[in-house]
Protein backbone atom coordinates (compact mmCIF):
# COMPACT_ATOMS: atom_id res chain seq x y z
CA UNK A 1 71.79 92.13 78.07
CA UNK A 2 72.79 94.48 80.87
CA UNK A 3 69.69 93.62 82.92
CA UNK A 4 70.37 89.91 82.42
CA UNK A 5 73.90 90.31 83.76
CA UNK A 6 72.69 92.31 86.75
CA UNK A 7 70.13 89.59 87.53
CA UNK A 8 72.84 86.95 87.28
CA UNK A 9 75.06 88.96 89.60
CA UNK A 10 72.26 89.25 92.15
CA UNK A 11 71.32 85.58 92.08
CA UNK A 12 74.98 84.57 92.16
CA UNK A 13 75.61 86.29 95.46
CA UNK A 14 72.17 86.11 97.04
CA UNK A 15 71.76 82.37 96.81
CA UNK A 16 69.95 80.87 99.77
CA UNK A 17 72.72 78.42 100.56
CA UNK A 18 74.10 79.22 104.01
CA UNK A 19 77.75 80.01 104.71
CA UNK A 20 77.37 79.49 108.45
CA UNK A 21 79.36 76.26 108.40
CA UNK A 22 81.44 77.08 105.36
CA UNK A 23 84.46 78.87 106.82
CA UNK A 24 87.80 78.29 105.14
CA UNK A 25 91.35 78.69 106.38
CA UNK A 26 93.64 81.04 104.49
CA UNK A 27 95.36 78.19 102.66
CA UNK A 28 91.99 76.66 101.70
CA UNK A 29 90.75 80.05 100.50
CA UNK A 30 93.84 80.52 98.35
CA UNK A 31 93.31 77.04 96.85
CA UNK A 32 89.73 77.96 95.91
CA UNK A 33 90.84 81.25 94.37
CA UNK A 34 93.57 79.48 92.41
CA UNK A 35 91.09 76.91 91.09
CA UNK A 36 88.60 79.56 89.99
CA UNK A 37 90.86 82.36 88.79
CA UNK A 38 94.46 81.13 88.76
CA UNK A 39 96.56 83.07 91.27
CA UNK A 40 99.56 83.47 88.97
CA UNK A 41 97.34 84.66 86.12
CA UNK A 42 95.67 87.27 88.32
CA UNK A 43 99.03 88.66 89.46
CA UNK A 44 100.51 88.69 85.94
CA UNK A 45 97.47 90.26 84.25
CA UNK A 46 97.69 93.51 86.15
CA UNK A 47 96.87 96.14 83.55
CA UNK A 48 98.37 99.62 83.37
CA UNK A 49 96.06 102.58 84.00
CA UNK A 50 93.68 100.24 85.76
CA UNK A 51 91.97 102.62 88.21
CA UNK A 52 89.28 104.07 85.93
CA UNK A 53 88.35 100.71 84.30
CA UNK A 54 88.24 99.10 87.74
CA UNK A 55 85.74 101.61 89.12
CA UNK A 56 83.68 101.65 85.93
CA UNK A 57 83.34 97.87 85.91
CA UNK A 58 82.81 97.61 89.66
CA UNK A 59 79.96 100.12 89.82
CA UNK A 60 77.22 97.43 89.86
CA UNK A 61 78.87 95.62 92.74
CA UNK A 62 79.39 98.75 94.82
CA UNK A 63 75.80 99.86 94.24
CA UNK A 64 74.06 96.54 94.89
CA UNK A 65 76.25 94.99 97.58
CA UNK A 66 78.23 97.73 99.26
CA UNK A 67 76.22 100.93 99.64
CA UNK A 68 73.13 102.03 97.75
CA UNK A 69 73.83 105.59 98.97
CA UNK A 70 77.06 105.81 97.04
CA UNK A 71 79.80 105.05 99.56
CA UNK A 72 82.78 103.25 98.07
CA UNK A 73 84.80 103.01 101.29
CA UNK A 74 84.65 100.64 104.26
CA UNK A 75 82.21 101.17 107.08
CA UNK A 76 83.77 101.54 110.53
CA UNK A 77 81.71 99.83 113.24
CA UNK A 78 83.29 100.03 116.67
CA UNK A 79 80.76 97.77 118.43
CA UNK A 80 81.49 94.71 116.27
CA UNK A 81 78.17 94.78 114.38
CA UNK A 82 77.85 95.97 110.79
CA UNK A 83 75.62 99.01 110.36
CA UNK A 84 75.48 101.30 107.30
CA UNK A 85 75.92 104.26 109.64
CA UNK A 86 79.55 103.19 109.81
CA UNK A 87 80.11 104.67 106.35
CA UNK A 88 79.75 108.13 107.92
CA UNK A 89 82.61 107.76 110.42
CA UNK A 90 85.18 109.09 107.95
CA UNK A 91 83.30 112.27 106.96
CA UNK A 92 82.26 112.86 110.57
CA UNK A 93 85.94 112.77 111.52
CA UNK A 94 86.59 115.43 108.88
CA UNK A 95 83.72 117.41 110.38
CA UNK A 96 85.35 117.31 113.80
CA UNK A 97 88.48 118.89 112.33
CA UNK A 98 86.44 121.50 110.44
CA UNK A 99 84.97 122.54 113.78
CA UNK A 100 88.34 122.52 115.52
CA UNK A 101 90.15 124.55 112.85
CA UNK A 102 87.27 126.78 111.82
CA UNK A 103 87.94 125.61 108.26
CA UNK A 104 86.34 127.49 105.36
CA UNK A 105 87.78 125.72 102.31
CA UNK A 106 87.90 121.92 102.17
CA UNK A 107 89.10 119.65 99.36
CA UNK A 108 88.39 115.95 98.96
CA UNK A 109 90.77 114.11 96.65
CA UNK A 110 89.46 110.90 95.15
CA UNK A 111 85.95 112.18 95.86
CA UNK A 112 84.15 109.32 94.12
CA UNK A 113 80.39 109.65 93.82
CA UNK A 114 80.14 112.53 96.33
CA UNK A 115 79.18 110.49 99.39
CA UNK A 116 81.54 112.25 101.81
CA UNK A 117 81.58 115.78 100.45
CA UNK A 118 77.82 115.93 99.89
CA UNK A 119 77.21 114.85 103.48
CA UNK A 120 79.62 117.49 104.77
CA UNK A 121 78.38 120.27 102.49
CA UNK A 122 74.84 119.82 103.77
CA UNK A 123 76.10 119.76 107.36
CA UNK A 124 78.33 122.84 106.96
CA UNK A 125 76.55 125.28 104.59
CA UNK A 126 79.07 128.07 105.30
CA UNK A 127 82.08 125.99 104.27
CA UNK A 128 83.11 125.65 100.63
CA UNK A 129 83.72 122.03 99.56
CA UNK A 130 85.50 120.93 96.39
CA UNK A 131 86.05 117.39 95.16
CA UNK A 132 88.44 116.06 92.54
CA UNK A 133 88.39 112.65 90.90
CA UNK A 134 89.73 111.13 87.69
CA UNK A 135 86.90 108.67 86.94
CA UNK A 136 84.43 110.24 84.45
CA UNK A 137 81.52 108.12 85.71
CA UNK A 138 82.11 109.24 89.29
CA UNK A 139 82.42 112.88 88.26
CA UNK A 140 79.18 112.74 86.32
CA UNK A 141 77.29 111.26 89.27
CA UNK A 142 78.92 113.65 91.75
CA UNK A 143 78.26 116.76 89.67
CA UNK A 144 74.61 115.81 89.34
CA UNK A 145 74.30 115.53 93.13
CA UNK A 146 76.12 118.84 93.64
CA UNK A 147 73.92 120.77 91.21
CA UNK A 148 71.45 121.65 93.98
CA UNK A 149 74.09 122.41 96.64
CA UNK A 150 75.54 125.91 96.56
CA UNK A 151 78.71 125.20 98.53
CA UNK A 152 79.81 122.04 96.69
CA UNK A 153 81.54 121.46 93.35
CA UNK A 154 83.48 118.71 91.62
CA UNK A 155 86.11 118.75 88.89
CA UNK A 156 88.62 116.46 87.24
CA UNK A 157 91.85 116.11 89.19
CA UNK A 158 94.65 113.58 89.49
CA UNK A 159 96.77 113.76 92.65
CA UNK A 160 99.57 112.05 90.72
CA UNK A 161 99.88 115.32 88.79
CA UNK A 162 99.81 119.01 89.61
CA UNK A 163 96.33 119.95 90.83
CA UNK A 164 94.62 123.00 89.35
CA UNK A 165 94.62 125.07 92.55
CA UNK A 166 96.82 127.94 93.71
CA UNK A 167 99.26 127.54 96.59
CA UNK A 168 97.69 127.60 100.05
CA UNK A 169 94.10 127.21 98.83
CA UNK A 170 92.63 124.90 101.49
CA UNK A 171 92.34 124.58 105.24
CA UNK A 172 91.71 120.83 105.02
CA UNK A 173 92.40 118.20 102.38
CA UNK A 174 91.00 114.73 103.01
CA UNK A 175 91.48 111.42 101.25
CA UNK A 176 89.41 108.32 101.98
CA UNK A 177 90.88 105.09 100.60
CA UNK A 178 92.37 106.72 97.52
CA UNK A 179 96.05 107.55 98.11
CA UNK A 180 96.76 103.82 97.86
CA UNK A 181 95.95 104.19 94.13
CA UNK A 182 98.90 106.50 93.53
CA UNK A 183 100.86 105.42 90.47
CA UNK A 184 103.97 107.34 91.53
CA UNK A 185 106.15 107.61 94.60
CA UNK A 186 104.24 108.83 97.68
CA UNK A 187 106.17 112.09 97.85
CA UNK A 188 104.55 113.25 94.57
CA UNK A 189 101.01 113.35 95.97
CA UNK A 190 102.08 114.42 99.45
CA UNK A 191 104.15 117.33 98.14
CA UNK A 192 101.26 118.52 95.99
CA UNK A 193 98.85 118.36 98.92
CA UNK A 194 101.38 120.21 101.09
CA UNK A 195 101.54 122.95 98.43
CA UNK A 196 97.79 123.60 98.36
CA UNK A 197 97.33 123.49 102.15
CA UNK A 198 97.44 126.70 104.15
CA UNK A 199 99.86 126.88 107.10
CA UNK A 200 98.12 125.16 110.00
CA UNK A 201 96.02 123.16 107.54
CA UNK A 202 95.51 119.42 107.73
CA UNK A 203 95.59 116.36 105.52
CA UNK A 204 93.18 113.71 106.87
CA UNK A 205 93.69 110.20 105.48
CA UNK A 206 91.85 106.91 105.89
CA UNK A 207 93.60 104.11 104.03
CA UNK A 208 95.18 100.68 104.06
CA UNK A 209 98.91 100.23 104.72
CA UNK A 210 101.26 97.30 105.03
CA UNK A 211 102.49 96.83 108.59
CA UNK A 212 105.99 95.87 107.47
CA UNK A 213 107.94 94.61 104.46
CA UNK A 214 106.00 91.95 102.59
CA UNK A 215 108.88 89.49 102.93
CA UNK A 216 108.46 89.38 106.71
CA UNK A 217 105.12 87.54 106.43
CA UNK A 218 104.58 83.86 105.68
CA UNK A 219 104.08 82.77 102.08
CA UNK A 220 100.28 82.42 102.25
CA UNK A 221 99.88 85.87 103.78
CA UNK A 222 102.24 87.36 101.19
CA UNK A 223 100.16 85.83 98.40
CA UNK A 224 96.88 86.91 100.00
CA UNK A 225 98.17 90.46 100.35
CA UNK A 226 99.29 90.70 96.73
CA UNK A 227 96.07 89.14 95.44
CA UNK A 228 93.97 91.56 97.46
CA UNK A 229 95.95 94.56 96.22
CA UNK A 230 95.73 93.37 92.63
CA UNK A 231 92.00 92.63 92.76
CA UNK A 232 91.40 96.11 94.22
CA UNK A 233 93.56 97.78 91.53
CA UNK A 234 96.20 99.01 93.99
CA UNK A 235 98.99 99.16 91.44
CA UNK A 236 101.98 99.78 93.72
CA UNK A 237 100.63 97.67 96.57
CA UNK A 238 99.75 99.17 99.93
CA UNK A 239 102.63 101.29 101.23
CA UNK A 240 104.37 100.49 104.49
CA UNK A 241 102.91 102.83 107.08
CA UNK A 242 106.16 103.90 108.75
CA UNK A 243 107.85 104.57 105.41
CA UNK A 244 104.88 106.66 104.28
CA UNK A 245 104.92 108.69 107.49
CA UNK A 246 108.67 109.26 107.10
CA UNK A 247 108.10 110.59 103.58
CA UNK A 248 105.37 112.90 104.90
CA UNK A 249 107.71 114.21 107.57
CA UNK A 250 110.51 114.78 105.04
CA UNK A 251 108.16 116.97 102.99
CA UNK A 252 107.39 119.11 106.03
CA UNK A 253 104.25 117.61 107.57
CA UNK A 254 103.88 117.10 111.29
CA UNK A 255 102.19 113.81 112.22
CA UNK A 256 99.35 114.75 114.55
CA UNK A 257 97.45 111.44 114.65
CA UNK A 258 98.11 107.86 113.61
CA UNK A 259 95.44 105.39 114.70
CA UNK A 260 94.97 101.77 113.67
CA UNK A 261 91.25 101.19 113.09
CA UNK A 262 91.52 97.71 111.57
CA UNK A 263 89.28 96.19 114.26
CA UNK A 264 86.45 98.56 113.24
CA UNK A 265 86.55 97.32 109.63
CA UNK A 266 85.96 93.69 110.62
CA UNK A 267 82.12 93.74 110.61
CA UNK A 268 82.13 95.15 107.07
CA UNK A 269 84.84 92.73 105.97
CA UNK A 270 82.90 89.78 107.43
CA UNK A 271 79.86 90.87 105.44
CA UNK A 272 81.87 91.08 102.22
CA UNK A 273 83.46 87.71 102.92
CA UNK A 274 80.04 86.09 103.41
CA UNK A 275 78.90 87.39 100.01
CA UNK A 276 82.10 86.15 98.38
CA UNK A 277 81.80 82.73 100.00
CA UNK A 278 78.37 82.37 98.44
CA UNK A 279 79.97 83.17 95.12
CA UNK A 280 82.49 80.31 95.31
CA UNK A 281 80.14 77.76 96.93
CA UNK A 282 78.56 76.99 93.59
CA UNK A 283 81.41 76.31 91.18
CA UNK A 284 79.21 76.24 88.08
CA UNK A 285 77.57 79.55 88.99
CA UNK A 286 80.93 81.12 89.80
CA UNK A 287 82.38 80.02 86.46
CA UNK A 288 79.41 81.35 84.52
CA UNK A 289 79.53 84.69 86.33
CA UNK A 290 83.31 84.93 85.93
CA UNK A 291 82.93 84.28 82.20
CA UNK A 292 80.08 86.71 81.51
CA UNK A 293 80.71 89.67 83.79
CA UNK A 294 83.52 92.24 83.56
CA UNK A 295 86.70 90.85 85.07
CA UNK A 296 87.37 93.68 87.53
CA UNK A 297 83.84 93.43 88.89
CA UNK A 298 84.18 89.69 89.45
CA UNK A 299 87.65 89.98 90.98
CA UNK A 300 86.22 92.00 93.84
CA UNK A 301 85.26 88.58 95.20
CA UNK A 302 88.97 87.86 95.70
CA UNK A 303 89.36 90.89 97.94
CA UNK A 304 86.12 89.96 99.70
CA UNK A 305 87.52 86.53 100.53
CA UNK A 306 90.93 87.73 101.67
CA UNK A 307 90.62 91.13 103.36
CA UNK A 308 89.47 89.66 106.65
CA UNK A 309 92.75 87.73 106.76
CA UNK A 310 95.12 90.52 105.78
CA UNK A 311 93.49 93.20 107.97
CA UNK A 312 93.21 90.95 111.03
CA UNK A 313 94.50 93.19 113.85
CA UNK A 314 96.93 90.68 115.39
CA UNK A 315 97.82 88.32 112.55
CA UNK A 316 97.29 90.32 109.36
CA UNK A 317 99.81 91.96 107.09
CA UNK A 318 97.99 95.28 106.75
CA UNK A 319 96.33 97.94 108.87
CA UNK A 320 93.46 100.31 108.18
CA UNK A 321 94.67 103.63 109.55
CA UNK A 322 93.42 107.10 110.31
CA UNK A 323 96.22 109.59 109.86
CA UNK A 324 96.10 113.34 110.36
CA UNK A 325 99.05 115.35 109.06
CA UNK A 326 99.47 119.09 109.62
CA UNK A 327 101.32 121.70 107.65
CA UNK A 328 103.13 123.77 110.30
CA UNK A 329 101.86 127.30 110.86
CA UNK A 330 105.34 128.74 110.41
C-alpha cells in the first residue's frame, strides 16, 4: 500500500502537463485552494500538537521533491536560479561565525535529519556539535548519520521547555526555520537559549517573519498568509519581526545582524509552486491524492502555491530573515 501511495504521489506531481502558461493571480489561486480543500475548513481544522505529525506525514514529500540529502529548509540562491547548493548557505553562515568566534561547542535546535550539523561536523572536526529535536523520526535518522562522526550527537529536546544543558554551555546556538514552531511566547525559547549561551556567544536564526500586523494587509494576502502558516504547521503564525527583536533585546541579547533574504528564496519557491500547480491542474488526480494521502503531506501543496506571494520582497506580507543575536560578554 505504501509503495502504491508513493507512486501516486510521484505521478501526481510529475505529470508531463506544462505549467508554463498556467500562472494564477493570488485571488485565482485562493479560489482553487478553496475548491479543492475549503479555506475555512483548513483554518478551523488546525490540530493541537501538530508539529510531530506534520513532519512524520510530510517525510515523503520532503525526500522526493525537496532534498534527497535531507534538507528540510529553503535553499538560498542569490543569482536567481535554483541550485541544490543553496541548501548549504545556512550552515555555511554558521561556519563563518564559528571561524570568527573560535567556537568549540555548537548547538542546533530543531536539528531535523542532521543536514546542517552533519555538514558542519565534517567541516570542523575539532568542534563539538550537538543537535536537539522533538520528532522521533528525525532523531532516529540523525542519530544513525552521527554514529560514524565522533564530534556529533543528537538528543531529544524541546525549546519550548527547559533544555537539558547547564548554563553557559555553548558558544553558538543556531536555529534554521524552527523557532516559528514555538507553541509559547517567544521569550520562553529566547530566554532558554540565552541561558545556555556563554557570554559573547551567538544565536543564529534563519526563519520567516511577518513584516507587520496581519490586519495591515489586504484580505487576500491575509488569507494567503494564514493558509500558508496553517499548512506548514506554524501554530502561532509567523511572528512580527520587530516585535520578536524587541523581545530578544528585553531578554538581554544584542542584535548584531538582521538581513532580509526573501529575494534569495524565490528560485526555490518558484520550483515548489510549479510542482503544486501541476497538482491542481488535474482536478480528478488532486482529489484522489487528497483523499488517499495523509492530510499534512497533501497540504504542503497549499504552502507551495502561496509562499511565492507572501514572501514577495516588495508586495508580500512576510520576510525570510537572517538574524544574529549576541549575548553580551559582560
